[in-house]
């Protein structure tokens, strides 16, 4: 076998080969993630137990606010949810875990089947993972909720897969401290000066 002349025998062992493949994949993900950017503002769709639209805004460092407007395919109900979440980096800024909570307000249409129900209001928790790649932010989350008033049940669980377009990439917000090094600031100043001379 020609391949065997160039590769040591131990690499041809199946378990060693798999370990090497996993190591290469990990190195690829690490290098790819460290070179990419996160986001400030994203918006898109959310599909799962309910479906709807979602928008996420980074408000400070690793903290985001998310607004979800959704409807259910299984029951007649629409819901608006406002959530805050803390993001914990796993590999660079692009791949992270998040968790947090917020509030929801729902609307149930008035008909014969829902005559005895009132519009729900309550609190939510959220936890999940997200990946931003090629200008699209993908996330999967679990979102348990408690209706403090109204609704069909007092406790419910939702899950969803979201795909959001990155409208504004990760830039320092006006109210955030400037943590760039002196070297980074000098490089950016020189870049701006070069652009002025060209223009």
C-alpha atoms as a PDB file:
ATOM      1  CA  UNK A   1       0.000   0.000   0.000  1.00  0.00           C
ATOM      2  CA  UNK A   2       1.529   3.304  -1.148  1.00  0.00           C
ATOM      3  CA  UNK A   3      -0.061   5.283   1.712  1.00  0.00           C
ATOM      4  CA  UNK A   4       1.657   3.045   4.291  1.00  0.00           C
ATOM      5  CA  UNK A   5       5.141   4.088   3.081  1.00  0.00           C
ATOM      6  CA  UNK A   6       4.561   7.680   4.155  1.00  0.00           C
ATOM      7  CA  UNK A   7       2.579   7.115   7.361  1.00  0.00           C
ATOM      8  CA  UNK A   8       3.956   5.332  10.432  1.00  0.00           C
ATOM      9  CA  UNK A   9       2.244   2.035  11.267  1.00  0.00           C
ATOM     10  CA  UNK A  10       0.762   3.377  14.517  1.00  0.00           C
ATOM     11  CA  UNK A  11      -1.263   5.955  12.558  1.00  0.00           C
ATOM     12  CA  UNK A  12      -2.907   3.175  10.606  1.00  0.00           C
ATOM     13  CA  UNK A  13      -4.324   1.784  13.833  1.00  0.00           C
ATOM     14  CA  UNK A  14      -8.020   2.686  13.855  1.00  0.00           C
ATOM     15  CA  UNK A  15      -8.226   4.133  17.386  1.00  0.00           C
ATOM     16  CA  UNK A  16      -5.087   6.236  16.928  1.00  0.00           C
ATOM     17  CA  UNK A  17      -6.383   7.430  13.574  1.00  0.00           C
ATOM     18  CA  UNK A  18      -9.697   8.543  15.161  1.00  0.00           C
ATOM     19  CA  UNK A  19      -7.876  10.377  17.951  1.00  0.00           C
ATOM     20  CA  UNK A  20      -5.756  12.213  15.382  1.00  0.00           C
ATOM     21  CA  UNK A  21      -8.873  13.158  13.413  1.00  0.00           C
ATOM     22  CA  UNK A  22     -10.542  14.530  16.540  1.00  0.00           C
ATOM     23  CA  UNK A  23      -7.403  16.486  17.423  1.00  0.00           C
ATOM     24  CA  UNK A  24      -7.268  17.986  13.919  1.00  0.00           C
ATOM     25  CA  UNK A  25     -10.947  18.911  14.116  1.00  0.00           C
ATOM     26  CA  UNK A  26     -10.452  20.577  17.510  1.00  0.00           C
ATOM     27  CA  UNK A  27      -7.455  22.568  16.193  1.00  0.00           C
ATOM     28  CA  UNK A  28      -9.498  23.647  13.166  1.00  0.00           C
ATOM     29  CA  UNK A  29     -12.447  24.793  15.303  1.00  0.00           C
ATOM     30  CA  UNK A  30     -10.171  26.632  17.708  1.00  0.00           C
ATOM     31  CA  UNK A  31      -8.298  28.520  14.999  1.00  0.00           C
ATOM     32  CA  UNK A  32     -11.508  29.284  13.062  1.00  0.00           C
ATOM     33  CA  UNK A  33     -13.321  30.548  16.140  1.00  0.00           C
ATOM     34  CA  UNK A  34     -10.542  32.764  17.397  1.00  0.00           C
ATOM     35  CA  UNK A  35     -10.336  34.596  14.086  1.00  0.00           C
ATOM     36  CA  UNK A  36     -14.068  35.239  13.730  1.00  0.00           C
ATOM     37  CA  UNK A  37     -16.234  37.929  15.283  1.00  0.00           C
ATOM     38  CA  UNK A  38     -19.265  37.760  17.503  1.00  0.00           C
ATOM     39  CA  UNK A  39     -22.269  40.110  17.192  1.00  0.00           C
ATOM     40  CA  UNK A  40     -23.992  43.139  18.637  1.00  0.00           C
ATOM     41  CA  UNK A  41     -27.390  42.892  16.904  1.00  0.00           C
ATOM     42  CA  UNK A  42     -29.079  39.844  15.331  1.00  0.00           C
ATOM     43  CA  UNK A  43     -32.618  38.983  14.227  1.00  0.00           C
ATOM     44  CA  UNK A  44     -34.280  35.994  12.612  1.00  0.00           C
ATOM     45  CA  UNK A  45     -36.633  33.054  13.104  1.00  0.00           C
ATOM     46  CA  UNK A  46     -37.197  30.608  15.948  1.00  0.00           C
ATOM     47  CA  UNK A  47     -38.662  27.149  15.314  1.00  0.00           C
ATOM     48  CA  UNK A  48     -39.550  24.500  17.871  1.00  0.00           C
ATOM     49  CA  UNK A  49     -42.465  23.783  20.161  1.00  0.00           C
ATOM     50  CA  UNK A  50     -43.651  27.256  19.114  1.00  0.00           C
ATOM     51  CA  UNK A  51     -42.553  29.293  16.093  1.00  0.00           C
ATOM     52  CA  UNK A  52     -41.879  32.982  15.674  1.00  0.00           C
ATOM     53  CA  UNK A  53     -39.332  35.754  15.302  1.00  0.00           C
ATOM     54  CA  UNK A  54     -36.438  36.611  17.590  1.00  0.00           C
ATOM     55  CA  UNK A  55     -34.052  39.545  17.975  1.00  0.00           C
ATOM     56  CA  UNK A  56     -30.950  39.643  20.173  1.00  0.00           C
ATOM     57  CA  UNK A  57     -28.939  42.686  21.234  1.00  0.00           C
ATOM     58  CA  UNK A  58     -25.670  42.630  23.157  1.00  0.00           C
ATOM     59  CA  UNK A  59     -26.080  45.198  25.934  1.00  0.00           C
ATOM     60  CA  UNK A  60     -22.797  44.849  27.840  1.00  0.00           C
ATOM     61  CA  UNK A  61     -19.747  42.599  27.534  1.00  0.00           C
ATOM     62  CA  UNK A  62     -21.191  39.032  27.682  1.00  0.00           C
ATOM     63  CA  UNK A  63     -24.802  40.058  28.395  1.00  0.00           C
ATOM     64  CA  UNK A  64     -27.593  40.077  25.796  1.00  0.00           C
ATOM     65  CA  UNK A  65     -31.268  41.022  25.715  1.00  0.00           C
ATOM     66  CA  UNK A  66     -33.594  38.929  23.546  1.00  0.00           C
ATOM     67  CA  UNK A  67     -37.121  39.646  22.364  1.00  0.00           C
ATOM     68  CA  UNK A  68     -39.201  36.687  21.100  1.00  0.00           C
ATOM     69  CA  UNK A  69     -42.630  36.980  19.477  1.00  0.00           C
ATOM     70  CA  UNK A  70     -44.117  33.534  18.910  1.00  0.00           C
ATOM     71  CA  UNK A  71     -47.236  31.591  18.139  1.00  0.00           C
ATOM     72  CA  UNK A  72     -48.116  27.951  18.705  1.00  0.00           C
ATOM     73  CA  UNK A  73     -49.110  25.398  16.094  1.00  0.00           C
ATOM     74  CA  UNK A  74     -50.716  23.185  18.736  1.00  0.00           C
ATOM     75  CA  UNK A  75     -52.788  25.738  20.631  1.00  0.00           C
ATOM     76  CA  UNK A  76     -54.270  29.137  19.834  1.00  0.00           C
ATOM     77  CA  UNK A  77     -51.935  31.468  21.697  1.00  0.00           C
ATOM     78  CA  UNK A  78     -49.368  34.141  20.920  1.00  0.00           C
ATOM     79  CA  UNK A  79     -46.663  35.227  23.317  1.00  0.00           C
ATOM     80  CA  UNK A  80     -44.132  38.030  23.702  1.00  0.00           C
ATOM     81  CA  UNK A  81     -41.056  37.226  25.823  1.00  0.00           C
ATOM     82  CA  UNK A  82     -38.240  39.508  26.996  1.00  0.00           C
ATOM     83  CA  UNK A  83     -35.105  37.745  28.239  1.00  0.00           C
ATOM     84  CA  UNK A  84     -31.684  38.670  29.568  1.00  0.00           C
ATOM     85  CA  UNK A  85     -28.828  36.158  29.224  1.00  0.00           C
ATOM     86  CA  UNK A  86     -25.198  35.803  30.248  1.00  0.00           C
ATOM     87  CA  UNK A  87     -22.888  34.201  27.664  1.00  0.00           C
ATOM     88  CA  UNK A  88     -19.977  31.967  28.657  1.00  0.00           C
ATOM     89  CA  UNK A  89     -17.387  31.445  25.921  1.00  0.00           C
ATOM     90  CA  UNK A  90     -16.553  27.849  25.049  1.00  0.00           C
ATOM     91  CA  UNK A  91     -14.250  28.329  22.057  1.00  0.00           C
ATOM     92  CA  UNK A  92     -13.657  31.990  21.232  1.00  0.00           C
ATOM     93  CA  UNK A  93     -16.503  34.490  20.903  1.00  0.00           C
ATOM     94  CA  UNK A  94     -18.440  32.525  18.310  1.00  0.00           C
ATOM     95  CA  UNK A  95     -19.320  29.378  20.240  1.00  0.00           C
ATOM     96  CA  UNK A  96     -20.771  29.781  23.717  1.00  0.00           C
ATOM     97  CA  UNK A  97     -23.238  28.669  26.344  1.00  0.00           C
ATOM     98  CA  UNK A  98     -25.864  31.071  27.644  1.00  0.00           C
ATOM     99  CA  UNK A  99     -28.346  31.183  30.503  1.00  0.00           C
ATOM    100  CA  UNK A 100     -30.697  33.725  31.996  1.00  0.00           C
ATOM    101  CA  UNK A 101     -34.320  34.636  32.511  1.00  0.00           C
ATOM    102  CA  UNK A 102     -37.095  37.116  31.876  1.00  0.00           C
ATOM    103  CA  UNK A 103     -40.835  37.675  31.596  1.00  0.00           C
ATOM    104  CA  UNK A 104     -43.591  36.784  29.133  1.00  0.00           C
ATOM    105  CA  UNK A 105     -47.042  38.071  28.238  1.00  0.00           C
ATOM    106  CA  UNK A 106     -49.478  35.941  26.222  1.00  0.00           C
ATOM    107  CA  UNK A 107     -52.750  36.420  24.363  1.00  0.00           C
ATOM    108  CA  UNK A 108     -55.416  33.745  23.991  1.00  0.00           C
ATOM    109  CA  UNK A 109     -58.201  34.403  21.445  1.00  0.00           C
ATOM    110  CA  UNK A 110     -61.701  34.625  22.845  1.00  0.00           C
ATOM    111  CA  UNK A 111     -63.778  31.708  21.540  1.00  0.00           C
ATOM    112  CA  UNK A 112     -65.931  28.876  22.885  1.00  0.00           C
ATOM    113  CA  UNK A 113     -62.919  26.625  23.619  1.00  0.00           C
ATOM    114  CA  UNK A 114     -61.019  29.306  25.542  1.00  0.00           C
ATOM    115  CA  UNK A 115     -63.916  31.041  27.289  1.00  0.00           C
ATOM    116  CA  UNK A 116     -62.678  30.059  30.754  1.00  0.00           C
ATOM    117  CA  UNK A 117     -59.009  31.039  30.090  1.00  0.00           C
ATOM    118  CA  UNK A 118     -57.342  34.393  30.745  1.00  0.00           C
ATOM    119  CA  UNK A 119     -54.265  35.846  29.067  1.00  0.00           C
ATOM    120  CA  UNK A 120     -51.080  34.503  30.688  1.00  0.00           C
ATOM    121  CA  UNK A 121     -48.323  36.525  32.328  1.00  0.00           C
ATOM    122  CA  UNK A 122     -45.269  35.003  33.989  1.00  0.00           C
ATOM    123  CA  UNK A 123     -41.554  34.425  34.258  1.00  0.00           C
ATOM    124  CA  UNK A 124     -39.135  32.381  32.153  1.00  0.00           C
ATOM    125  CA  UNK A 125     -35.716  30.786  32.424  1.00  0.00           C
ATOM    126  CA  UNK A 126     -33.531  30.065  29.402  1.00  0.00           C
ATOM    127  CA  UNK A 127     -30.379  28.057  28.729  1.00  0.00           C
ATOM    128  CA  UNK A 128     -28.703  26.915  25.562  1.00  0.00           C
ATOM    129  CA  UNK A 129     -25.787  26.952  23.149  1.00  0.00           C
ATOM    130  CA  UNK A 130     -25.054  29.206  20.191  1.00  0.00           C
ATOM    131  CA  UNK A 131     -22.680  29.372  17.254  1.00  0.00           C
ATOM    132  CA  UNK A 132     -22.075  32.335  14.947  1.00  0.00           C
ATOM    133  CA  UNK A 133     -20.663  31.472  11.530  1.00  0.00           C
ATOM    134  CA  UNK A 134     -20.612  33.322   8.185  1.00  0.00           C
ATOM    135  CA  UNK A 135     -22.819  36.131   9.488  1.00  0.00           C
ATOM    136  CA  UNK A 136     -25.523  33.795  10.852  1.00  0.00           C
ATOM    137  CA  UNK A 137     -26.133  33.154  14.545  1.00  0.00           C
ATOM    138  CA  UNK A 138     -27.540  29.676  15.305  1.00  0.00           C
ATOM    139  CA  UNK A 139     -28.790  28.705  18.743  1.00  0.00           C
ATOM    140  CA  UNK A 140     -30.662  25.916  20.490  1.00  0.00           C
ATOM    141  CA  UNK A 141     -32.356  26.604  23.808  1.00  0.00           C
ATOM    142  CA  UNK A 142     -34.638  25.212  26.487  1.00  0.00           C
ATOM    143  CA  UNK A 143     -37.056  27.756  27.942  1.00  0.00           C
ATOM    144  CA  UNK A 144     -39.140  26.665  30.945  1.00  0.00           C
ATOM    145  CA  UNK A 145     -41.803  29.115  32.076  1.00  0.00           C
ATOM    146  CA  UNK A 146     -44.204  29.699  34.931  1.00  0.00           C
ATOM    147  CA  UNK A 147     -47.542  31.461  34.414  1.00  0.00           C
ATOM    148  CA  UNK A 148     -48.168  33.651  37.444  1.00  0.00           C
ATOM    149  CA  UNK A 149     -51.626  34.471  36.105  1.00  0.00           C
ATOM    150  CA  UNK A 150     -53.786  32.972  33.354  1.00  0.00           C
ATOM    151  CA  UNK A 151     -52.740  30.512  30.672  1.00  0.00           C
ATOM    152  CA  UNK A 152     -53.559  26.896  29.983  1.00  0.00           C
ATOM    153  CA  UNK A 153     -51.149  25.536  32.626  1.00  0.00           C
ATOM    154  CA  UNK A 154     -49.053  27.010  35.400  1.00  0.00           C
ATOM    155  CA  UNK A 155     -45.750  25.427  34.236  1.00  0.00           C
ATOM    156  CA  UNK A 156     -44.637  24.774  30.661  1.00  0.00           C
ATOM    157  CA  UNK A 157     -41.453  23.923  28.739  1.00  0.00           C
ATOM    158  CA  UNK A 158     -40.475  25.205  25.323  1.00  0.00           C
ATOM    159  CA  UNK A 159     -37.451  24.452  23.174  1.00  0.00           C
ATOM    160  CA  UNK A 160     -36.352  26.129  19.993  1.00  0.00           C
ATOM    161  CA  UNK A 161     -33.781  26.322  17.239  1.00  0.00           C
ATOM    162  CA  UNK A 162     -33.076  29.899  16.111  1.00  0.00           C
ATOM    163  CA  UNK A 163     -31.291  31.235  13.045  1.00  0.00           C
ATOM    164  CA  UNK A 164     -30.540  34.966  13.113  1.00  0.00           C
ATOM    165  CA  UNK A 165     -28.766  37.244  10.651  1.00  0.00           C
ATOM    166  CA  UNK A 166     -25.971  39.355  12.181  1.00  0.00           C
ATOM    167  CA  UNK A 167     -26.878  42.969  11.372  1.00  0.00           C
ATOM    168  CA  UNK A 168     -24.164  44.584  13.492  1.00  0.00           C
ATOM    169  CA  UNK A 169     -20.917  42.762  14.260  1.00  0.00           C
ATOM    170  CA  UNK A 170     -19.172  42.876  17.609  1.00  0.00           C
ATOM    171  CA  UNK A 171     -18.134  46.474  18.258  1.00  0.00           C
ATOM    172  CA  UNK A 172     -17.497  48.238  21.541  1.00  0.00           C
ATOM    173  CA  UNK A 173     -20.657  49.921  22.794  1.00  0.00           C
ATOM    174  CA  UNK A 174     -20.434  53.576  23.902  1.00  0.00           C
ATOM    175  CA  UNK A 175     -21.037  52.742  27.572  1.00  0.00           C
ATOM    176  CA  UNK A 176     -18.482  49.905  27.723  1.00  0.00           C
ATOM    177  CA  UNK A 177     -14.915  50.502  28.985  1.00  0.00           C
ATOM    178  CA  UNK A 178     -12.209  50.622  26.322  1.00  0.00           C
ATOM    179  CA  UNK A 179     -10.087  47.542  27.086  1.00  0.00           C
ATOM    180  CA  UNK A 180      -7.961  47.701  23.953  1.00  0.00           C
ATOM    181  CA  UNK A 181      -4.216  47.774  24.425  1.00  0.00           C
ATOM    182  CA  UNK A 182      -2.166  50.829  23.486  1.00  0.00           C
ATOM    183  CA  UNK A 183      -0.806  48.905  20.510  1.00  0.00           C
ATOM    184  CA  UNK A 184      -4.316  48.129  19.202  1.00  0.00           C
ATOM    185  CA  UNK A 185      -5.358  51.785  19.571  1.00  0.00           C
ATOM    186  CA  UNK A 186      -2.238  52.958  17.707  1.00  0.00           C
ATOM    187  CA  UNK A 187      -2.874  50.451  14.900  1.00  0.00           C
ATOM    188  CA  UNK A 188      -6.488  51.624  14.512  1.00  0.00           C
ATOM    189  CA  UNK A 189      -5.445  55.299  14.552  1.00  0.00           C
ATOM    190  CA  UNK A 190      -2.848  54.644  11.823  1.00  0.00           C
ATOM    191  CA  UNK A 191      -5.445  52.795   9.757  1.00  0.00           C
ATOM    192  CA  UNK A 192      -7.868  55.742   9.991  1.00  0.00           C
ATOM    193  CA  UNK A 193      -5.107  58.161   8.962  1.00  0.00           C
ATOM    194  CA  UNK A 194      -4.234  56.036   5.906  1.00  0.00           C
ATOM    195  CA  UNK A 195      -7.892  55.933   4.879  1.00  0.00           C
ATOM    196  CA  UNK A 196      -8.147  59.757   5.158  1.00  0.00           C
ATOM    197  CA  UNK A 197      -5.092  60.217   2.926  1.00  0.00           C
ATOM    198  CA  UNK A 198      -6.580  57.927   0.277  1.00  0.00           C
ATOM    199  CA  UNK A 199      -9.962  59.660   0.407  1.00  0.00           C
END
